[in-house]
């Protein structure tokens, strides 16, 4: 079985999946505008999916983790947790694009990047990129199915450009840990220390330099 984690957005998602076997996901999806609870929920959700599958760590064959792009704090915590679990259990670790997992079944995946920008990827066309919603709208072809919290937040300019966006509360807008597992099954394991977040842009906070 593959254990999948994603903390690229405000949601915390953990899944346990095997071909022809269990497909179990547990999530914490805070209300819009609420602070993420990655630190307090991630390991608890890991325990919940193992318990729901009546499985122990001996049944886990690899760990897959979403590497973003997304929240700086969320990605750091999720990847550090995945590294720690992989090292403690001597398991292979793979990184998966959170946008790729979100885009399964859609034409365009859009994650709110804050600062008036989005992270986006269009299946088979472009991405991942960080850009303004208006720039993304200029790249959209009419009829594209767009999903993600960025598509919800910037619904108006994207729909004007022809995007089709599901209702705000649709599950398609959330990164699925089960998709992280499925994509992770196809990836080659990475060196644990070499697995880095895909920040896609510079952090908001920068070190202060003395004059």
N, C-alpha and C. Protein backbone atom coordinates (compact mmCIF):
# COMPACT_ATOMS: atom_id res chain seq x y z
N UNK A 1 0.84 -1.19 0.00
CA UNK A 1 0.00 0.00 0.00
C UNK A 1 0.88 1.25 0.00
N UNK A 2 0.31 2.33 -0.52
CA UNK A 2 1.00 3.61 -0.57
C UNK A 2 0.28 4.59 0.34
N UNK A 3 1.06 5.27 1.17
CA UNK A 3 0.54 6.33 2.03
C UNK A 3 0.81 7.65 1.34
N UNK A 4 -0.23 8.46 1.16
CA UNK A 4 -0.09 9.74 0.47
C UNK A 4 -0.45 10.90 1.37
N UNK A 5 0.34 11.98 1.31
CA UNK A 5 0.11 13.17 2.13
C UNK A 5 0.10 14.39 1.22
N UNK A 6 -0.77 15.38 1.54
CA UNK A 6 -0.68 16.66 0.86
C UNK A 6 -1.08 17.79 1.79
N UNK A 7 -0.22 18.82 1.84
CA UNK A 7 -0.45 20.01 2.65
C UNK A 7 -0.16 21.27 1.84
N UNK A 8 -0.34 21.21 0.53
CA UNK A 8 -0.01 22.35 -0.33
C UNK A 8 -1.01 23.49 -0.18
N UNK A 9 -2.25 23.18 0.20
CA UNK A 9 -3.28 24.19 0.37
C UNK A 9 -3.65 24.28 1.85
N UNK A 10 -4.73 24.97 2.17
CA UNK A 10 -5.17 25.04 3.55
C UNK A 10 -5.63 23.69 4.08
N UNK A 11 -5.99 22.78 3.19
CA UNK A 11 -6.45 21.45 3.59
C UNK A 11 -5.28 20.54 3.95
N UNK A 12 -5.55 19.61 4.85
CA UNK A 12 -4.61 18.54 5.19
C UNK A 12 -5.24 17.25 4.71
N UNK A 13 -4.56 16.52 3.84
CA UNK A 13 -5.14 15.31 3.26
C UNK A 13 -4.17 14.14 3.38
N UNK A 14 -4.71 12.99 3.79
CA UNK A 14 -3.91 11.77 3.92
C UNK A 14 -4.71 10.62 3.31
N UNK A 15 -4.05 9.82 2.50
CA UNK A 15 -4.72 8.69 1.87
C UNK A 15 -3.90 7.42 1.98
N UNK A 16 -4.58 6.30 1.88
CA UNK A 16 -3.95 4.98 1.83
C UNK A 16 -4.57 4.24 0.67
N UNK A 17 -3.72 3.76 -0.24
CA UNK A 17 -4.22 3.20 -1.49
C UNK A 17 -3.33 2.05 -1.96
N UNK A 18 -3.97 1.07 -2.59
CA UNK A 18 -3.24 -0.01 -3.25
C UNK A 18 -4.05 -0.44 -4.46
N UNK A 19 -3.39 -0.83 -5.57
CA UNK A 19 -4.14 -1.30 -6.74
C UNK A 19 -5.04 -2.48 -6.36
N UNK A 20 -6.32 -2.34 -6.60
CA UNK A 20 -7.26 -3.40 -6.27
C UNK A 20 -7.48 -3.58 -4.78
N UNK A 21 -6.95 -2.65 -3.98
CA UNK A 21 -7.06 -2.78 -2.52
C UNK A 21 -7.80 -1.61 -1.92
N UNK A 22 -7.42 -1.23 -0.72
CA UNK A 22 -8.13 -0.15 -0.03
C UNK A 22 -7.94 1.20 -0.70
N UNK A 23 -8.95 2.05 -0.61
CA UNK A 23 -8.89 3.44 -1.06
C UNK A 23 -9.50 4.27 0.06
N UNK A 24 -8.65 4.72 0.96
CA UNK A 24 -9.12 5.41 2.17
C UNK A 24 -8.49 6.79 2.23
N UNK A 25 -9.33 7.79 2.47
CA UNK A 25 -8.82 9.15 2.61
C UNK A 25 -9.45 9.81 3.82
N UNK A 26 -8.62 10.55 4.55
CA UNK A 26 -9.09 11.37 5.66
C UNK A 26 -8.56 12.78 5.46
N UNK A 27 -9.39 13.79 5.79
CA UNK A 27 -9.04 15.16 5.47
C UNK A 27 -9.42 16.11 6.60
N UNK A 28 -8.77 17.25 6.58
CA UNK A 28 -9.18 18.39 7.38
C UNK A 28 -9.29 19.57 6.42
N UNK A 29 -10.51 20.04 6.18
CA UNK A 29 -10.75 21.12 5.24
C UNK A 29 -11.32 22.31 6.01
N UNK A 30 -10.45 23.25 6.41
CA UNK A 30 -10.93 24.38 7.21
C UNK A 30 -11.82 25.30 6.38
N UNK A 31 -12.72 26.04 7.03
CA UNK A 31 -13.57 27.00 6.31
C UNK A 31 -12.71 28.05 5.62
N UNK A 32 -13.28 28.66 4.58
CA UNK A 32 -12.58 29.69 3.84
C UNK A 32 -12.11 30.78 4.78
N UNK A 33 -10.82 31.10 4.71
CA UNK A 33 -10.26 32.15 5.54
C UNK A 33 -9.71 31.68 6.87
N UNK A 34 -10.02 30.44 7.27
CA UNK A 34 -9.53 29.90 8.55
C UNK A 34 -8.07 29.47 8.40
N UNK A 35 -7.36 29.46 9.51
CA UNK A 35 -5.96 29.04 9.49
C UNK A 35 -5.86 27.53 9.28
N UNK A 36 -4.91 27.07 8.47
CA UNK A 36 -4.71 25.63 8.30
C UNK A 36 -4.31 24.97 9.61
N UNK A 37 -4.63 23.68 9.73
CA UNK A 37 -4.30 22.93 10.95
C UNK A 37 -3.35 21.79 10.63
N UNK A 38 -2.42 22.01 9.68
CA UNK A 38 -1.53 20.93 9.26
C UNK A 38 -0.79 20.32 10.45
N UNK A 39 -0.19 21.16 11.28
CA UNK A 39 0.67 20.66 12.35
C UNK A 39 -0.09 19.80 13.33
N UNK A 40 -1.32 20.17 13.63
CA UNK A 40 -2.08 19.42 14.62
C UNK A 40 -2.82 18.23 14.07
N UNK A 41 -3.00 18.16 12.75
CA UNK A 41 -3.86 17.13 12.18
C UNK A 41 -3.14 16.07 11.36
N UNK A 42 -1.96 16.38 10.82
CA UNK A 42 -1.36 15.49 9.82
C UNK A 42 -1.10 14.09 10.37
N UNK A 43 -0.39 13.99 11.48
CA UNK A 43 -0.07 12.66 12.01
C UNK A 43 -1.31 11.95 12.53
N UNK A 44 -2.27 12.70 13.04
CA UNK A 44 -3.52 12.08 13.48
C UNK A 44 -4.27 11.46 12.30
N UNK A 45 -4.25 12.15 11.16
CA UNK A 45 -4.90 11.59 9.97
C UNK A 45 -4.18 10.36 9.45
N UNK A 46 -2.85 10.34 9.58
CA UNK A 46 -2.09 9.14 9.21
C UNK A 46 -2.55 7.96 10.05
N UNK A 47 -2.68 8.17 11.35
CA UNK A 47 -3.15 7.10 12.23
C UNK A 47 -4.57 6.68 11.87
N UNK A 48 -5.41 7.64 11.47
CA UNK A 48 -6.79 7.32 11.13
C UNK A 48 -6.90 6.44 9.90
N UNK A 49 -6.10 6.73 8.85
CA UNK A 49 -6.22 5.92 7.64
C UNK A 49 -5.68 4.51 7.87
N UNK A 50 -4.63 4.39 8.66
CA UNK A 50 -4.11 3.05 8.97
C UNK A 50 -5.13 2.26 9.77
N UNK A 51 -5.77 2.90 10.74
CA UNK A 51 -6.78 2.22 11.54
C UNK A 51 -7.98 1.84 10.69
N UNK A 52 -8.40 2.73 9.78
CA UNK A 52 -9.55 2.44 8.93
C UNK A 52 -9.30 1.25 8.01
N UNK A 53 -8.04 1.06 7.62
CA UNK A 53 -7.67 -0.08 6.76
C UNK A 53 -7.31 -1.32 7.57
N UNK A 54 -7.36 -1.20 8.91
CA UNK A 54 -6.92 -2.28 9.79
C UNK A 54 -5.52 -2.74 9.40
N UNK A 55 -4.66 -1.75 9.13
CA UNK A 55 -3.30 -2.02 8.66
C UNK A 55 -2.29 -1.43 9.63
N UNK A 56 -1.08 -2.00 9.61
CA UNK A 56 0.02 -1.40 10.37
C UNK A 56 1.09 -0.95 9.37
N UNK A 57 2.20 -0.44 9.89
CA UNK A 57 3.23 0.09 9.01
C UNK A 57 3.88 -0.97 8.14
N UNK A 58 3.80 -2.23 8.54
CA UNK A 58 4.38 -3.29 7.71
C UNK A 58 3.68 -3.40 6.36
N UNK A 59 2.44 -2.92 6.28
CA UNK A 59 1.68 -3.00 5.03
C UNK A 59 2.00 -1.85 4.08
N UNK A 60 2.67 -0.81 4.58
CA UNK A 60 2.98 0.36 3.76
C UNK A 60 4.27 0.12 2.99
N UNK A 61 4.22 0.27 1.67
CA UNK A 61 5.37 -0.02 0.82
C UNK A 61 6.14 1.24 0.40
N UNK A 62 5.46 2.37 0.37
CA UNK A 62 6.11 3.63 0.04
C UNK A 62 5.25 4.79 0.51
N UNK A 63 5.88 5.96 0.56
CA UNK A 63 5.18 7.19 0.95
C UNK A 63 5.28 8.16 -0.22
N UNK A 64 4.14 8.76 -0.56
CA UNK A 64 4.08 9.79 -1.59
C UNK A 64 3.63 11.09 -0.94
N UNK A 65 4.26 12.20 -1.32
CA UNK A 65 3.92 13.49 -0.70
C UNK A 65 3.78 14.56 -1.78
N UNK A 66 2.76 15.39 -1.63
CA UNK A 66 2.59 16.51 -2.54
C UNK A 66 3.67 17.55 -2.30
N UNK A 67 4.35 17.97 -3.37
CA UNK A 67 5.46 18.92 -3.23
C UNK A 67 5.07 20.32 -3.68
N UNK A 68 3.78 20.54 -3.97
CA UNK A 68 3.32 21.86 -4.34
C UNK A 68 3.20 22.01 -5.85
N UNK A 69 3.19 23.27 -6.29
CA UNK A 69 3.37 24.50 -5.52
C UNK A 69 2.21 24.78 -4.59
N UNK A 70 2.49 25.59 -3.55
CA UNK A 70 1.46 25.90 -2.58
C UNK A 70 2.01 26.70 -1.43
N UNK A 71 1.36 26.55 -0.29
CA UNK A 71 1.73 27.30 0.92
C UNK A 71 3.14 26.94 1.38
N UNK A 72 3.97 27.95 1.66
CA UNK A 72 5.34 27.69 2.13
C UNK A 72 5.33 26.87 3.41
N UNK A 73 4.56 27.33 4.39
CA UNK A 73 4.54 26.63 5.69
C UNK A 73 3.97 25.23 5.55
N UNK A 74 2.88 25.09 4.81
CA UNK A 74 2.27 23.78 4.64
C UNK A 74 3.19 22.80 3.95
N UNK A 75 3.84 23.24 2.88
CA UNK A 75 4.74 22.35 2.16
C UNK A 75 5.92 21.92 3.02
N UNK A 76 6.51 22.87 3.75
CA UNK A 76 7.64 22.51 4.61
C UNK A 76 7.24 21.45 5.62
N UNK A 77 6.07 21.65 6.24
CA UNK A 77 5.64 20.70 7.27
C UNK A 77 5.32 19.34 6.66
N UNK A 78 4.60 19.33 5.55
CA UNK A 78 4.22 18.06 4.93
C UNK A 78 5.41 17.25 4.47
N UNK A 79 6.37 17.92 3.82
CA UNK A 79 7.53 17.20 3.31
C UNK A 79 8.44 16.75 4.45
N UNK A 80 8.60 17.59 5.47
CA UNK A 80 9.41 17.18 6.62
C UNK A 80 8.79 15.97 7.32
N UNK A 81 7.46 15.96 7.43
CA UNK A 81 6.79 14.82 8.06
C UNK A 81 6.97 13.56 7.22
N UNK A 82 6.80 13.69 5.90
CA UNK A 82 6.97 12.54 5.02
C UNK A 82 8.39 12.00 5.08
N UNK A 83 9.38 12.91 5.11
CA UNK A 83 10.77 12.46 5.23
C UNK A 83 11.00 11.71 6.53
N UNK A 84 10.47 12.27 7.62
CA UNK A 84 10.66 11.63 8.92
C UNK A 84 10.04 10.25 8.98
N UNK A 85 8.82 10.12 8.45
CA UNK A 85 8.15 8.81 8.45
C UNK A 85 8.91 7.82 7.56
N UNK A 86 9.36 8.29 6.39
CA UNK A 86 10.09 7.39 5.49
C UNK A 86 11.39 6.92 6.11
N UNK A 87 12.09 7.82 6.80
CA UNK A 87 13.35 7.44 7.43
C UNK A 87 13.11 6.49 8.59
N UNK A 88 12.10 6.79 9.42
CA UNK A 88 11.84 5.96 10.59
C UNK A 88 11.42 4.55 10.20
N UNK A 89 10.70 4.44 9.07
CA UNK A 89 10.18 3.13 8.64
C UNK A 89 10.99 2.51 7.51
N UNK A 90 12.06 3.20 7.09
CA UNK A 90 12.91 2.73 6.00
C UNK A 90 12.08 2.45 4.75
N UNK A 91 11.29 3.46 4.35
CA UNK A 91 10.41 3.34 3.20
C UNK A 91 10.86 4.27 2.09
N UNK A 92 10.66 3.88 0.83
CA UNK A 92 10.96 4.80 -0.28
C UNK A 92 9.99 5.97 -0.25
N UNK A 93 10.47 7.13 -0.70
CA UNK A 93 9.70 8.36 -0.68
C UNK A 93 9.67 8.95 -2.09
N UNK A 94 8.47 9.35 -2.53
CA UNK A 94 8.33 9.97 -3.85
C UNK A 94 7.61 11.30 -3.71
N UNK A 95 8.01 12.26 -4.53
CA UNK A 95 7.35 13.55 -4.58
C UNK A 95 6.39 13.61 -5.75
N UNK A 96 5.24 14.23 -5.55
CA UNK A 96 4.20 14.33 -6.57
C UNK A 96 3.76 15.79 -6.67
N UNK A 97 3.57 16.29 -7.86
CA UNK A 97 3.04 17.63 -8.04
C UNK A 97 1.62 17.72 -7.51
N UNK A 98 1.38 18.64 -6.58
CA UNK A 98 0.03 18.83 -6.06
C UNK A 98 -0.91 19.32 -7.16
N UNK A 99 -0.39 20.13 -8.08
CA UNK A 99 -1.21 20.58 -9.21
C UNK A 99 -1.59 19.42 -10.12
N UNK A 100 -0.67 18.49 -10.34
CA UNK A 100 -0.97 17.33 -11.18
C UNK A 100 -2.06 16.48 -10.55
N UNK A 101 -2.00 16.31 -9.23
CA UNK A 101 -3.03 15.54 -8.54
C UNK A 101 -4.39 16.25 -8.63
N UNK A 102 -4.38 17.57 -8.49
CA UNK A 102 -5.62 18.34 -8.57
C UNK A 102 -6.20 18.31 -9.98
N UNK A 103 -5.32 18.26 -10.98
CA UNK A 103 -5.76 18.37 -12.37
C UNK A 103 -6.36 17.09 -12.93
N UNK A 104 -6.26 15.97 -12.22
CA UNK A 104 -6.80 14.70 -12.74
C UNK A 104 -8.30 14.87 -13.01
N UNK A 105 -8.70 14.65 -14.24
CA UNK A 105 -10.10 14.79 -14.61
C UNK A 105 -10.51 16.20 -15.00
N UNK A 106 -9.57 17.14 -15.00
CA UNK A 106 -9.87 18.53 -15.36
C UNK A 106 -8.88 19.02 -16.41
N UNK A 107 -9.18 20.18 -16.99
CA UNK A 107 -8.27 20.78 -17.96
C UNK A 107 -7.27 21.70 -17.29
N UNK A 108 -7.69 22.33 -16.19
CA UNK A 108 -6.87 23.37 -15.56
C UNK A 108 -6.97 23.27 -14.05
N UNK A 109 -5.82 23.19 -13.39
CA UNK A 109 -5.76 23.19 -11.92
C UNK A 109 -5.21 24.53 -11.46
N UNK A 110 -5.88 25.13 -10.47
CA UNK A 110 -5.51 26.47 -10.02
C UNK A 110 -5.50 26.51 -8.49
N UNK A 111 -4.34 26.80 -7.91
CA UNK A 111 -4.19 26.93 -6.46
C UNK A 111 -3.96 28.39 -6.12
N UNK A 112 -4.67 28.87 -5.12
CA UNK A 112 -4.51 30.26 -4.67
C UNK A 112 -3.10 30.44 -4.10
N UNK A 113 -2.32 31.32 -4.73
CA UNK A 113 -0.94 31.56 -4.30
C UNK A 113 -0.82 32.76 -3.38
N UNK A 114 -1.96 33.40 -3.04
CA UNK A 114 -1.96 34.63 -2.25
C UNK A 114 -1.25 35.74 -3.03
N UNK A 115 -1.16 36.92 -2.42
CA UNK A 115 -0.52 38.08 -3.06
C UNK A 115 -1.12 38.38 -4.44
N UNK A 116 -2.40 38.00 -4.64
CA UNK A 116 -3.05 38.29 -5.92
C UNK A 116 -2.58 37.44 -7.07
N UNK A 117 -1.99 36.27 -6.77
CA UNK A 117 -1.50 35.38 -7.82
C UNK A 117 -2.09 33.99 -7.64
N UNK A 118 -1.89 33.16 -8.67
CA UNK A 118 -2.28 31.75 -8.60
C UNK A 118 -1.12 30.89 -9.08
N UNK A 119 -1.12 29.65 -8.63
CA UNK A 119 -0.28 28.61 -9.23
C UNK A 119 -1.22 27.83 -10.15
N UNK A 120 -0.78 27.55 -11.36
CA UNK A 120 -1.68 26.90 -12.31
C UNK A 120 -0.92 25.94 -13.22
N UNK A 121 -1.67 24.95 -13.69
CA UNK A 121 -1.14 24.01 -14.68
C UNK A 121 -2.32 23.53 -15.53
N UNK A 122 -2.13 23.53 -16.84
CA UNK A 122 -3.14 23.04 -17.76
C UNK A 122 -2.64 21.73 -18.36
N UNK A 123 -3.44 20.70 -18.23
CA UNK A 123 -3.03 19.36 -18.63
C UNK A 123 -2.55 19.33 -20.08
N UNK A 124 -1.30 18.94 -20.27
CA UNK A 124 -0.74 18.81 -21.60
C UNK A 124 -0.45 20.12 -22.32
N UNK A 125 -0.59 21.26 -21.59
CA UNK A 125 -0.42 22.54 -22.26
C UNK A 125 0.65 23.40 -21.61
N UNK A 126 0.54 23.66 -20.30
CA UNK A 126 1.54 24.47 -19.63
C UNK A 126 1.51 24.22 -18.14
N UNK A 127 2.58 24.65 -17.47
CA UNK A 127 2.63 24.64 -16.02
C UNK A 127 3.64 23.66 -15.47
N UNK A 128 3.82 23.77 -14.15
CA UNK A 128 3.23 24.74 -13.23
C UNK A 128 3.84 26.14 -13.42
N UNK A 129 2.98 27.15 -13.23
CA UNK A 129 3.42 28.53 -13.31
C UNK A 129 2.78 29.33 -12.18
N UNK A 130 3.43 30.43 -11.82
CA UNK A 130 2.85 31.39 -10.88
C UNK A 130 2.60 32.67 -11.67
N UNK A 131 1.35 33.15 -11.65
CA UNK A 131 1.00 34.32 -12.43
C UNK A 131 -0.27 34.96 -11.91
N UNK A 132 -0.57 36.15 -12.41
CA UNK A 132 -1.78 36.85 -12.01
C UNK A 132 -3.00 36.18 -12.65
N UNK A 133 -4.15 36.23 -11.99
CA UNK A 133 -5.36 35.61 -12.56
C UNK A 133 -5.68 36.13 -13.96
N UNK A 134 -5.45 37.42 -14.21
CA UNK A 134 -5.74 37.98 -15.53
C UNK A 134 -4.82 37.38 -16.60
N UNK A 135 -3.57 37.11 -16.23
CA UNK A 135 -2.66 36.46 -17.17
C UNK A 135 -3.11 35.03 -17.45
N UNK A 136 -3.57 34.35 -16.41
CA UNK A 136 -4.07 33.00 -16.61
C UNK A 136 -5.31 33.02 -17.50
N UNK A 137 -6.20 33.97 -17.25
CA UNK A 137 -7.42 34.06 -18.06
C UNK A 137 -7.09 34.19 -19.54
N UNK A 138 -6.01 34.90 -19.86
CA UNK A 138 -5.63 35.09 -21.26
C UNK A 138 -5.17 33.79 -21.92
N UNK A 139 -4.82 32.79 -21.12
CA UNK A 139 -4.36 31.51 -21.66
C UNK A 139 -5.48 30.47 -21.78
N UNK A 140 -6.62 30.77 -21.23
CA UNK A 140 -7.71 29.79 -21.16
C UNK A 140 -8.42 29.66 -22.51
N UNK A 141 -8.78 28.44 -22.85
CA UNK A 141 -9.62 28.19 -24.02
C UNK A 141 -11.05 27.94 -23.53
N UNK A 142 -12.05 28.48 -24.22
CA UNK A 142 -13.44 28.31 -23.79
C UNK A 142 -13.80 26.84 -23.59
N UNK A 143 -14.48 26.57 -22.48
CA UNK A 143 -14.91 25.22 -22.19
C UNK A 143 -13.99 24.44 -21.27
N UNK A 144 -12.82 24.99 -20.95
CA UNK A 144 -11.92 24.28 -20.04
C UNK A 144 -12.57 24.13 -18.67
N UNK A 145 -12.46 22.94 -18.12
CA UNK A 145 -12.89 22.69 -16.75
C UNK A 145 -11.76 23.09 -15.82
N UNK A 146 -12.00 24.09 -14.98
CA UNK A 146 -10.98 24.61 -14.06
C UNK A 146 -11.38 24.28 -12.63
N UNK A 147 -10.41 23.77 -11.85
CA UNK A 147 -10.69 23.36 -10.48
C UNK A 147 -9.60 23.88 -9.54
N UNK A 148 -9.91 23.92 -8.26
CA UNK A 148 -8.95 24.33 -7.24
C UNK A 148 -9.43 25.57 -6.51
N UNK A 149 -8.83 25.81 -5.33
CA UNK A 149 -9.26 26.97 -4.55
C UNK A 149 -8.95 28.28 -5.26
N UNK A 150 -7.96 28.29 -6.14
CA UNK A 150 -7.67 29.48 -6.93
C UNK A 150 -8.75 29.74 -7.97
N UNK A 151 -9.31 28.68 -8.54
CA UNK A 151 -10.41 28.84 -9.49
C UNK A 151 -11.65 29.39 -8.78
N UNK A 152 -11.86 28.97 -7.54
CA UNK A 152 -13.00 29.47 -6.77
C UNK A 152 -12.79 30.95 -6.43
N UNK A 153 -11.60 31.30 -5.94
CA UNK A 153 -11.36 32.68 -5.53
C UNK A 153 -11.43 33.65 -6.72
N UNK A 154 -10.91 33.22 -7.86
CA UNK A 154 -10.86 34.11 -9.01
C UNK A 154 -11.84 33.63 -10.09
N UNK A 155 -12.99 33.19 -9.64
CA UNK A 155 -14.01 32.65 -10.54
C UNK A 155 -14.40 33.66 -11.64
N UNK A 156 -14.59 34.91 -11.27
CA UNK A 156 -15.12 35.90 -12.22
C UNK A 156 -14.25 36.07 -13.45
N UNK A 157 -12.94 36.38 -13.30
CA UNK A 157 -12.14 36.57 -14.53
C UNK A 157 -11.95 35.27 -15.30
N UNK A 158 -11.89 34.14 -14.62
CA UNK A 158 -11.69 32.88 -15.33
C UNK A 158 -12.95 32.47 -16.09
N UNK A 159 -14.11 32.68 -15.49
CA UNK A 159 -15.35 32.35 -16.21
C UNK A 159 -15.57 33.30 -17.38
N UNK A 160 -15.19 34.56 -17.24
CA UNK A 160 -15.31 35.50 -18.36
C UNK A 160 -14.48 35.02 -19.55
N UNK A 161 -13.36 34.34 -19.24
CA UNK A 161 -12.49 33.84 -20.31
C UNK A 161 -12.99 32.52 -20.89
N UNK A 162 -14.06 31.97 -20.32
CA UNK A 162 -14.64 30.75 -20.87
C UNK A 162 -14.44 29.50 -20.03
N UNK A 163 -13.81 29.62 -18.86
CA UNK A 163 -13.61 28.45 -18.01
C UNK A 163 -14.94 27.99 -17.42
N UNK A 164 -15.05 26.69 -17.23
CA UNK A 164 -16.20 26.09 -16.54
C UNK A 164 -15.71 25.69 -15.15
N UNK A 165 -16.32 26.24 -14.10
CA UNK A 165 -15.84 26.03 -12.73
C UNK A 165 -16.97 25.44 -11.90
N UNK A 166 -16.76 24.27 -11.28
CA UNK A 166 -17.81 23.67 -10.45
C UNK A 166 -18.18 24.57 -9.26
N UNK A 167 -19.27 24.23 -8.59
CA UNK A 167 -19.72 24.97 -7.42
C UNK A 167 -18.60 25.05 -6.39
N UNK A 168 -18.63 26.12 -5.60
CA UNK A 168 -17.54 26.38 -4.65
C UNK A 168 -17.26 25.20 -3.73
N UNK A 169 -18.30 24.47 -3.33
CA UNK A 169 -18.11 23.38 -2.36
C UNK A 169 -17.87 22.02 -3.03
N UNK A 170 -17.63 21.99 -4.33
CA UNK A 170 -17.40 20.72 -5.03
C UNK A 170 -16.09 20.09 -4.59
N UNK A 171 -16.09 18.78 -4.46
CA UNK A 171 -14.89 18.07 -4.02
C UNK A 171 -13.75 18.19 -5.03
N UNK A 172 -14.06 18.50 -6.29
CA UNK A 172 -13.02 18.64 -7.32
C UNK A 172 -12.03 19.76 -7.00
N UNK A 173 -12.42 20.68 -6.13
CA UNK A 173 -11.53 21.80 -5.81
C UNK A 173 -10.48 21.45 -4.76
N UNK A 174 -10.52 20.23 -4.24
CA UNK A 174 -9.59 19.84 -3.18
C UNK A 174 -8.56 18.84 -3.72
N UNK A 175 -7.31 19.02 -3.33
CA UNK A 175 -6.26 18.07 -3.71
C UNK A 175 -6.54 16.75 -3.01
N UNK A 176 -6.64 15.68 -3.78
CA UNK A 176 -6.95 14.37 -3.23
C UNK A 176 -5.68 13.61 -2.86
N UNK A 177 -5.61 13.15 -1.63
CA UNK A 177 -4.47 12.34 -1.21
C UNK A 177 -4.45 11.00 -1.95
N UNK A 178 -5.63 10.51 -2.36
CA UNK A 178 -5.65 9.27 -3.13
C UNK A 178 -5.02 9.47 -4.51
N UNK A 179 -5.22 10.64 -5.10
CA UNK A 179 -4.53 10.91 -6.37
C UNK A 179 -3.04 11.05 -6.15
N UNK A 180 -2.63 11.62 -5.02
CA UNK A 180 -1.20 11.66 -4.68
C UNK A 180 -0.65 10.23 -4.64
N UNK A 181 -1.39 9.32 -4.04
CA UNK A 181 -0.97 7.91 -3.97
C UNK A 181 -0.85 7.31 -5.37
N UNK A 182 -1.88 7.51 -6.19
CA UNK A 182 -1.90 6.90 -7.53
C UNK A 182 -0.75 7.43 -8.39
N UNK A 183 -0.55 8.72 -8.38
CA UNK A 183 0.57 9.28 -9.15
C UNK A 183 1.91 8.85 -8.56
N UNK A 184 1.96 8.75 -7.24
CA UNK A 184 3.19 8.32 -6.58
C UNK A 184 3.58 6.90 -6.91
N UNK A 185 2.60 6.08 -7.27
CA UNK A 185 2.91 4.70 -7.64
C UNK A 185 3.72 4.63 -8.93
N UNK A 186 3.64 5.70 -9.75
CA UNK A 186 4.30 5.71 -11.06
C UNK A 186 5.66 6.41 -11.03
N UNK A 187 5.97 7.08 -9.92
CA UNK A 187 7.21 7.86 -9.84
C UNK A 187 8.36 7.03 -9.26
N UNK A 188 9.57 7.41 -9.64
CA UNK A 188 10.75 6.78 -9.07
C UNK A 188 11.04 7.40 -7.71
N UNK A 189 11.40 6.60 -6.71
CA UNK A 189 11.72 7.16 -5.39
C UNK A 189 12.86 8.16 -5.47
N UNK A 190 12.77 9.16 -4.61
CA UNK A 190 13.79 10.21 -4.56
C UNK A 190 14.68 10.00 -3.34
N UNK A 191 15.86 10.58 -3.41
CA UNK A 191 16.68 10.67 -2.21
C UNK A 191 15.93 11.54 -1.20
N UNK A 192 15.78 11.06 0.03
CA UNK A 192 14.96 11.79 1.00
C UNK A 192 15.46 13.21 1.21
N UNK A 193 16.77 13.40 1.27
CA UNK A 193 17.31 14.73 1.52
C UNK A 193 17.23 15.63 0.29
N UNK A 194 17.05 15.02 -0.88
CA UNK A 194 17.00 15.80 -2.12
C UNK A 194 15.57 16.20 -2.50
N UNK A 195 14.59 15.67 -1.78
CA UNK A 195 13.19 15.99 -2.10
C UNK A 195 12.84 17.36 -1.53
N UNK A 196 12.57 18.32 -2.42
CA UNK A 196 12.36 19.70 -2.00
C UNK A 196 10.98 20.17 -2.44
N UNK A 197 10.41 21.14 -1.70
CA UNK A 197 9.13 21.72 -2.12
C UNK A 197 9.28 22.50 -3.42
N UNK A 198 8.21 22.53 -4.20
CA UNK A 198 8.16 23.35 -5.40
C UNK A 198 7.50 24.67 -5.01
N UNK A 199 8.31 25.62 -4.55
CA UNK A 199 7.75 26.89 -4.11
C UNK A 199 7.30 27.76 -5.29
N UNK A 200 7.98 27.64 -6.40
CA UNK A 200 7.63 28.32 -7.64
C UNK A 200 7.86 29.83 -7.63
N UNK A 201 8.11 30.41 -6.45
CA UNK A 201 8.43 31.82 -6.36
C UNK A 201 9.16 32.07 -5.05
N UNK A 202 9.69 33.25 -4.88
CA UNK A 202 10.42 33.59 -3.67
C UNK A 202 9.47 33.74 -2.49
N UNK A 203 9.93 33.40 -1.26
CA UNK A 203 9.07 33.55 -0.08
C UNK A 203 8.77 35.00 0.21
N UNK A 204 7.65 35.22 0.94
CA UNK A 204 7.26 36.58 1.33
C UNK A 204 8.30 37.19 2.25
N UNK A 205 8.76 36.42 3.25
CA UNK A 205 9.74 36.93 4.22
C UNK A 205 11.14 36.72 3.68
N UNK A 206 11.95 37.76 3.75
CA UNK A 206 13.34 37.68 3.31
C UNK A 206 14.26 38.08 4.45
N UNK A 207 15.44 37.48 4.51
CA UNK A 207 16.37 37.85 5.58
C UNK A 207 16.74 39.33 5.54
N UNK A 208 16.84 39.93 6.70
CA UNK A 208 17.22 41.35 6.77
C UNK A 208 18.74 41.46 6.70
N UNK A 209 19.22 42.32 5.81
CA UNK A 209 20.66 42.49 5.65
C UNK A 209 21.08 43.79 6.34
N UNK A 210 22.14 43.66 7.08
CA UNK A 210 22.68 44.84 7.75
C UNK A 210 23.32 45.77 6.73
N UNK A 211 23.12 47.09 6.86
CA UNK A 211 23.75 48.02 5.92
C UNK A 211 25.26 48.00 6.04
